[in-house]
Amino acid sequence: MRTLIPTLFLFVLALQCHGQVERDKALHFLGGNLFGLAGAGIAKQASDGNRIWTFVGSVAGSTLIGLAKETVDAGQNSNGWDNDDLAATILGGVTVGVTIDLFSKKDDRRRLRGRYSHMDLKTPIGPILKPQTQFVVLEGKLPALQTLGISGQELSVK
């Protein structure tokens, strides 16, 4: 109960503050979140879960997309470069980086755990199956799913 009341109070204040943010800045923040998440995932896999590189990847991913978007905006006649949009995009990546660092489980070397940490991409996972397909046209009609090999169940019509 001690944490419920301050949390509800914080949400009420956040609802009032949301009206002060432009829609464009909120969209830039969301874009920074998404591309920061992608950058963090790539950096986590490349660095075997190193926390610093995961955070750097998050900020770098959001910075790259922010710079690309503002470059496109600068080339338009009705629009221009906006440093506030770039800052909102980068802040989205920083937010994702901090969130990943706070909520991810760490191993004994303080590296992030997860399925991307020690994945060897050079070895094949299993045998590669090559599908053998044939296209069959029966009396000008399309073949049934069973003929194409898509359905595993045999259906009979009487």
C-alpha atoms as a PDB file:
ATOM      1  CA  MET A   1       0.000   0.000   0.000  1.00  0.00           C
ATOM      2  CA  ARG A   2       2.952   2.296   0.645  1.00  0.00           C
ATOM      3  CA  THR A   3       4.072   2.017  -2.960  1.00  0.00           C
ATOM      4  CA  LEU A   4       0.616   2.034  -4.534  1.00  0.00           C
ATOM      5  CA  ILE A   5      -0.306   5.602  -3.607  1.00  0.00           C
ATOM      6  CA  PRO A   6       2.947   7.209  -4.836  1.00  0.00           C
ATOM      7  CA  THR A   7       2.739   5.155  -8.040  1.00  0.00           C
ATOM      8  CA  LEU A   8      -0.813   6.298  -8.721  1.00  0.00           C
ATOM      9  CA  PHE A   9       0.204   9.883  -7.946  1.00  0.00           C
ATOM     10  CA  LEU A  10       3.093   9.587 -10.414  1.00  0.00           C
ATOM     11  CA  PHE A  11       0.742   8.303 -13.126  1.00  0.00           C
ATOM     12  CA  VAL A  12      -1.650  11.196 -12.534  1.00  0.00           C
ATOM     13  CA  LEU A  13       1.228  13.660 -12.887  1.00  0.00           C
ATOM     14  CA  ALA A  14       2.478  11.857 -16.000  1.00  0.00           C
ATOM     15  CA  LEU A  15      -0.950  12.148 -17.616  1.00  0.00           C
ATOM     16  CA  GLN A  16      -0.903  15.899 -17.095  1.00  0.00           C
ATOM     17  CA  CYS A  17       2.650  16.195 -18.445  1.00  0.00           C
ATOM     18  CA  HIS A  18       1.822  14.218 -21.582  1.00  0.00           C
ATOM     19  CA  GLY A  19      -0.237  17.135 -22.843  1.00  0.00           C
ATOM     20  CA  GLN A  20       2.895  19.290 -22.902  1.00  0.00           C
ATOM     21  CA  VAL A  21       4.769  17.052 -25.373  1.00  0.00           C
ATOM     22  CA  GLU A  22       4.223  17.494 -29.098  1.00  0.00           C
ATOM     23  CA  ARG A  23       2.983  14.467 -31.010  1.00  0.00           C
ATOM     24  CA  ASP A  24       6.011  14.632 -33.302  1.00  0.00           C
ATOM     25  CA  LYS A  25       8.424  14.381 -30.367  1.00  0.00           C
ATOM     26  CA  ALA A  26       6.514  11.411 -28.954  1.00  0.00           C
ATOM     27  CA  LEU A  27       6.775   9.639 -32.320  1.00  0.00           C
ATOM     28  CA  HIS A  28      10.503  10.359 -32.449  1.00  0.00           C
ATOM     29  CA  PHE A  29      10.859   8.959 -28.921  1.00  0.00           C
ATOM     30  CA  LEU A  30       8.985   5.801 -29.978  1.00  0.00           C
ATOM     31  CA  GLY A  31      11.173   5.440 -33.081  1.00  0.00           C
ATOM     32  CA  GLY A  32      14.258   5.819 -30.893  1.00  0.00           C
ATOM     33  CA  ASN A  33      12.890   3.092 -28.611  1.00  0.00           C
ATOM     34  CA  LEU A  34      12.366   0.655 -31.467  1.00  0.00           C
ATOM     35  CA  PHE A  35      15.678   1.221 -33.208  1.00  0.00           C
ATOM     36  CA  GLY A  36      17.481   1.371 -29.863  1.00  0.00           C
ATOM     37  CA  LEU A  37      16.052  -2.041 -29.058  1.00  0.00           C
ATOM     38  CA  ALA A  38      17.289  -3.389 -32.395  1.00  0.00           C
ATOM     39  CA  GLY A  39      20.737  -1.861 -31.849  1.00  0.00           C
ATOM     40  CA  ALA A  40      20.913  -3.272 -28.330  1.00  0.00           C
ATOM     41  CA  GLY A  41      20.012  -6.752 -29.586  1.00  0.00           C
ATOM     42  CA  ILE A  42      22.698  -6.630 -32.258  1.00  0.00           C
ATOM     43  CA  ALA A  43      25.314  -5.308 -29.828  1.00  0.00           C
ATOM     44  CA  LYS A  44      24.373  -7.887 -27.198  1.00  0.00           C
ATOM     45  CA  GLN A  45      24.842 -10.694 -29.678  1.00  0.00           C
ATOM     46  CA  ALA A  46      28.088  -9.275 -31.068  1.00  0.00           C
ATOM     47  CA  SER A  47      29.654  -8.654 -27.648  1.00  0.00           C
ATOM     48  CA  ASP A  48      28.503 -11.858 -25.898  1.00  0.00           C
ATOM     49  CA  GLY A  49      26.259  -9.894 -23.548  1.00  0.00           C
ATOM     50  CA  ASN A  50      28.624  -7.109 -22.494  1.00  0.00           C
ATOM     51  CA  ARG A  51      26.503  -4.523 -20.667  1.00  0.00           C
ATOM     52  CA  ILE A  52      28.413  -1.469 -21.885  1.00  0.00           C
ATOM     53  CA  TRP A  53      28.317  -2.484 -25.536  1.00  0.00           C
ATOM     54  CA  THR A  54      24.624  -3.320 -25.246  1.00  0.00           C
ATOM     55  CA  PHE A  55      23.944   0.205 -23.979  1.00  0.00           C
ATOM     56  CA  VAL A  56      26.198   1.719 -26.662  1.00  0.00           C
ATOM     57  CA  GLY A  57      24.379  -0.305 -29.314  1.00  0.00           C
ATOM     58  CA  SER A  58      21.056   1.010 -28.071  1.00  0.00           C
ATOM     59  CA  VAL A  59      22.183   4.629 -28.217  1.00  0.00           C
ATOM     60  CA  ALA A  60      23.949   4.111 -31.561  1.00  0.00           C
ATOM     61  CA  GLY A  61      20.874   2.525 -33.146  1.00  0.00           C
ATOM     62  CA  SER A  62      18.640   5.395 -32.111  1.00  0.00           C
ATOM     63  CA  THR A  63      21.254   7.991 -33.096  1.00  0.00           C
ATOM     64  CA  LEU A  64      21.646   6.520 -36.582  1.00  0.00           C
ATOM     65  CA  ILE A  65      17.922   6.513 -37.281  1.00  0.00           C
ATOM     66  CA  GLY A  66      17.564   9.992 -35.797  1.00  0.00           C
ATOM     67  CA  LEU A  67      20.325  11.374 -38.011  1.00  0.00           C
ATOM     68  CA  ALA A  68      18.856   9.650 -41.059  1.00  0.00           C
ATOM     69  CA  LYS A  69      15.373  11.046 -40.379  1.00  0.00           C
ATOM     70  CA  GLU A  70      16.623  14.572 -39.791  1.00  0.00           C
ATOM     71  CA  THR A  71      18.737  14.398 -42.945  1.00  0.00           C
ATOM     72  CA  VAL A  72      15.621  13.496 -44.919  1.00  0.00           C
ATOM     73  CA  ASP A  73      13.715  16.313 -43.204  1.00  0.00           C
ATOM     74  CA  ALA A  74      16.468  18.816 -44.028  1.00  0.00           C
ATOM     75  CA  GLY A  75      16.160  17.996 -47.726  1.00  0.00           C
ATOM     76  CA  GLN A  76      12.455  18.836 -47.831  1.00  0.00           C
ATOM     77  CA  ASN A  77      11.275  22.342 -48.673  1.00  0.00           C
ATOM     78  CA  SER A  78       8.469  22.493 -46.115  1.00  0.00           C
ATOM     79  CA  ASN A  79      10.479  20.875 -43.343  1.00  0.00           C
ATOM     80  CA  GLY A  80      13.923  21.326 -41.842  1.00  0.00           C
ATOM     81  CA  TRP A  81      16.483  19.955 -39.429  1.00  0.00           C
ATOM     82  CA  ASP A  82      15.175  19.915 -35.855  1.00  0.00           C
ATOM     83  CA  ASN A  83      17.583  19.273 -32.996  1.00  0.00           C
ATOM     84  CA  ASP A  84      14.674  18.645 -30.608  1.00  0.00           C
ATOM     85  CA  ASP A  85      13.465  15.767 -32.795  1.00  0.00           C
ATOM     86  CA  LEU A  86      16.977  14.316 -32.820  1.00  0.00           C
ATOM     87  CA  ALA A  87      17.226  14.648 -29.039  1.00  0.00           C
ATOM     88  CA  ALA A  88      13.859  12.907 -28.570  1.00  0.00           C
ATOM     89  CA  THR A  89      14.994  10.028 -30.798  1.00  0.00           C
ATOM     90  CA  ILE A  90      18.299   9.613 -28.950  1.00  0.00           C
ATOM     91  CA  LEU A  91      16.500   9.844 -25.591  1.00  0.00           C
ATOM     92  CA  GLY A  92      14.326   6.933 -26.709  1.00  0.00           C
ATOM     93  CA  GLY A  93      17.448   4.828 -27.287  1.00  0.00           C
ATOM     94  CA  VAL A  94      18.953   5.848 -23.953  1.00  0.00           C
ATOM     95  CA  THR A  95      15.727   4.878 -22.210  1.00  0.00           C
ATOM     96  CA  VAL A  96      15.767   1.429 -23.801  1.00  0.00           C
ATOM     97  CA  GLY A  97      19.451   0.967 -22.941  1.00  0.00           C
ATOM     98  CA  VAL A  98      18.902   1.828 -19.278  1.00  0.00           C
ATOM     99  CA  THR A  99      15.792  -0.363 -19.103  1.00  0.00           C
ATOM    100  CA  ILE A 100      17.621  -3.358 -20.577  1.00  0.00           C
ATOM    101  CA  ASP A 101      20.482  -2.880 -18.143  1.00  0.00           C
ATOM    102  CA  LEU A 102      18.181  -2.593 -15.136  1.00  0.00           C
ATOM    103  CA  PHE A 103      15.855  -5.487 -15.864  1.00  0.00           C
ATOM    104  CA  SER A 104      18.149  -8.033 -17.549  1.00  0.00           C
ATOM    105  CA  LYS A 105      19.588 -10.876 -15.557  1.00  0.00           C
ATOM    106  CA  LYS A 106      23.351 -10.980 -15.334  1.00  0.00           C
ATOM    107  CA  ASP A 107      25.716 -13.907 -15.018  1.00  0.00           C
ATOM    108  CA  ASP A 108      28.670 -14.172 -12.633  1.00  0.00           C
ATOM    109  CA  ARG A 109      30.831 -11.914 -14.850  1.00  0.00           C
ATOM    110  CA  ARG A 110      28.061  -9.244 -14.822  1.00  0.00           C
ATOM    111  CA  ARG A 111      27.299  -9.946 -18.487  1.00  0.00           C
ATOM    112  CA  LEU A 112      23.751 -10.059 -19.732  1.00  0.00           C
ATOM    113  CA  ARG A 113      22.221 -13.512 -19.891  1.00  0.00           C
ATOM    114  CA  GLY A 114      19.867 -14.577 -22.593  1.00  0.00           C
ATOM    115  CA  ARG A 115      19.567 -16.765 -25.614  1.00  0.00           C
ATOM    116  CA  TYR A 116      21.712 -14.457 -27.748  1.00  0.00           C
ATOM    117  CA  SER A 117      24.672 -14.537 -25.367  1.00  0.00           C
ATOM    118  CA  HIS A 118      26.442 -17.713 -26.458  1.00  0.00           C
ATOM    119  CA  MET A 119      24.828 -18.590 -29.760  1.00  0.00           C
ATOM    120  CA  ASP A 120      27.182 -20.015 -32.389  1.00  0.00           C
ATOM    121  CA  LEU A 121      25.847 -19.038 -35.782  1.00  0.00           C
ATOM    122  CA  LYS A 122      28.526 -20.836 -37.789  1.00  0.00           C
ATOM    123  CA  THR A 123      27.354 -24.362 -37.002  1.00  0.00           C
ATOM    124  CA  PRO A 124      24.139 -25.571 -38.621  1.00  0.00           C
ATOM    125  CA  ILE A 125      21.300 -26.241 -36.221  1.00  0.00           C
ATOM    126  CA  GLY A 126      20.011 -29.317 -37.988  1.00  0.00           C
ATOM    127  CA  PRO A 127      19.883 -30.979 -41.358  1.00  0.00           C
ATOM    128  CA  ILE A 128      18.702 -28.701 -44.093  1.00  0.00           C
ATOM    129  CA  LEU A 129      15.683 -30.139 -45.842  1.00  0.00           C
ATOM    130  CA  LYS A 130      15.282 -29.363 -49.505  1.00  0.00           C
ATOM    131  CA  PRO A 131      11.643 -29.399 -50.518  1.00  0.00           C
ATOM    132  CA  GLN A 132      10.743 -31.355 -53.586  1.00  0.00           C
ATOM    133  CA  THR A 133       7.762 -29.717 -55.215  1.00  0.00           C
ATOM    134  CA  GLN A 134       5.906 -30.284 -58.439  1.00  0.00           C
ATOM    135  CA  PHE A 135       3.249 -28.051 -59.935  1.00  0.00           C
ATOM    136  CA  VAL A 136       0.227 -30.020 -61.056  1.00  0.00           C
ATOM    137  CA  VAL A 137      -2.712 -28.655 -63.060  1.00  0.00           C
ATOM    138  CA  LEU A 138      -5.716 -30.954 -63.198  1.00  0.00           C
ATOM    139  CA  GLU A 139      -8.242 -30.179 -65.938  1.00  0.00           C
ATOM    140  CA  GLY A 140      -7.692 -26.433 -65.706  1.00  0.00           C
ATOM    141  CA  LYS A 141      -8.436 -26.358 -61.950  1.00  0.00           C
ATOM    142  CA  LEU A 142      -6.026 -25.447 -59.204  1.00  0.00           C
ATOM    143  CA  PRO A 143      -4.784 -28.449 -57.235  1.00  0.00           C
ATOM    144  CA  ALA A 144      -6.004 -29.134 -53.719  1.00  0.00           C
ATOM    145  CA  LEU A 145      -3.854 -28.482 -50.681  1.00  0.00           C
ATOM    146  CA  GLN A 146      -3.193 -32.203 -50.303  1.00  0.00           C
ATOM    147  CA  THR A 147      -1.820 -32.362 -53.840  1.00  0.00           C
ATOM    148  CA  LEU A 148       0.505 -29.465 -53.108  1.00  0.00           C
ATOM    149  CA  GLY A 149       1.728 -31.191 -49.972  1.00  0.00           C
ATOM    150  CA  ILE A 150       0.657 -28.325 -47.711  1.00  0.00           C
ATOM    151  CA  SER A 151      -1.963 -30.195 -45.718  1.00  0.00           C
ATOM    152  CA  GLY A 152      -0.925 -33.239 -43.718  1.00  0.00           C
ATOM    153  CA  GLN A 153      -4.454 -34.569 -43.414  1.00  0.00           C
ATOM    154  CA  GLU A 154      -6.199 -36.532 -46.107  1.00  0.00           C
ATOM    155  CA  LEU A 155      -9.690 -35.342 -46.865  1.00  0.00           C
ATOM    156  CA  SER A 156     -12.087 -37.361 -48.954  1.00  0.00           C
ATOM    157  CA  VAL A 157     -15.242 -36.023 -50.536  1.00  0.00           C
ATOM    158  CA  LYS A 158     -18.033 -38.407 -51.517  1.00  0.00           C
END
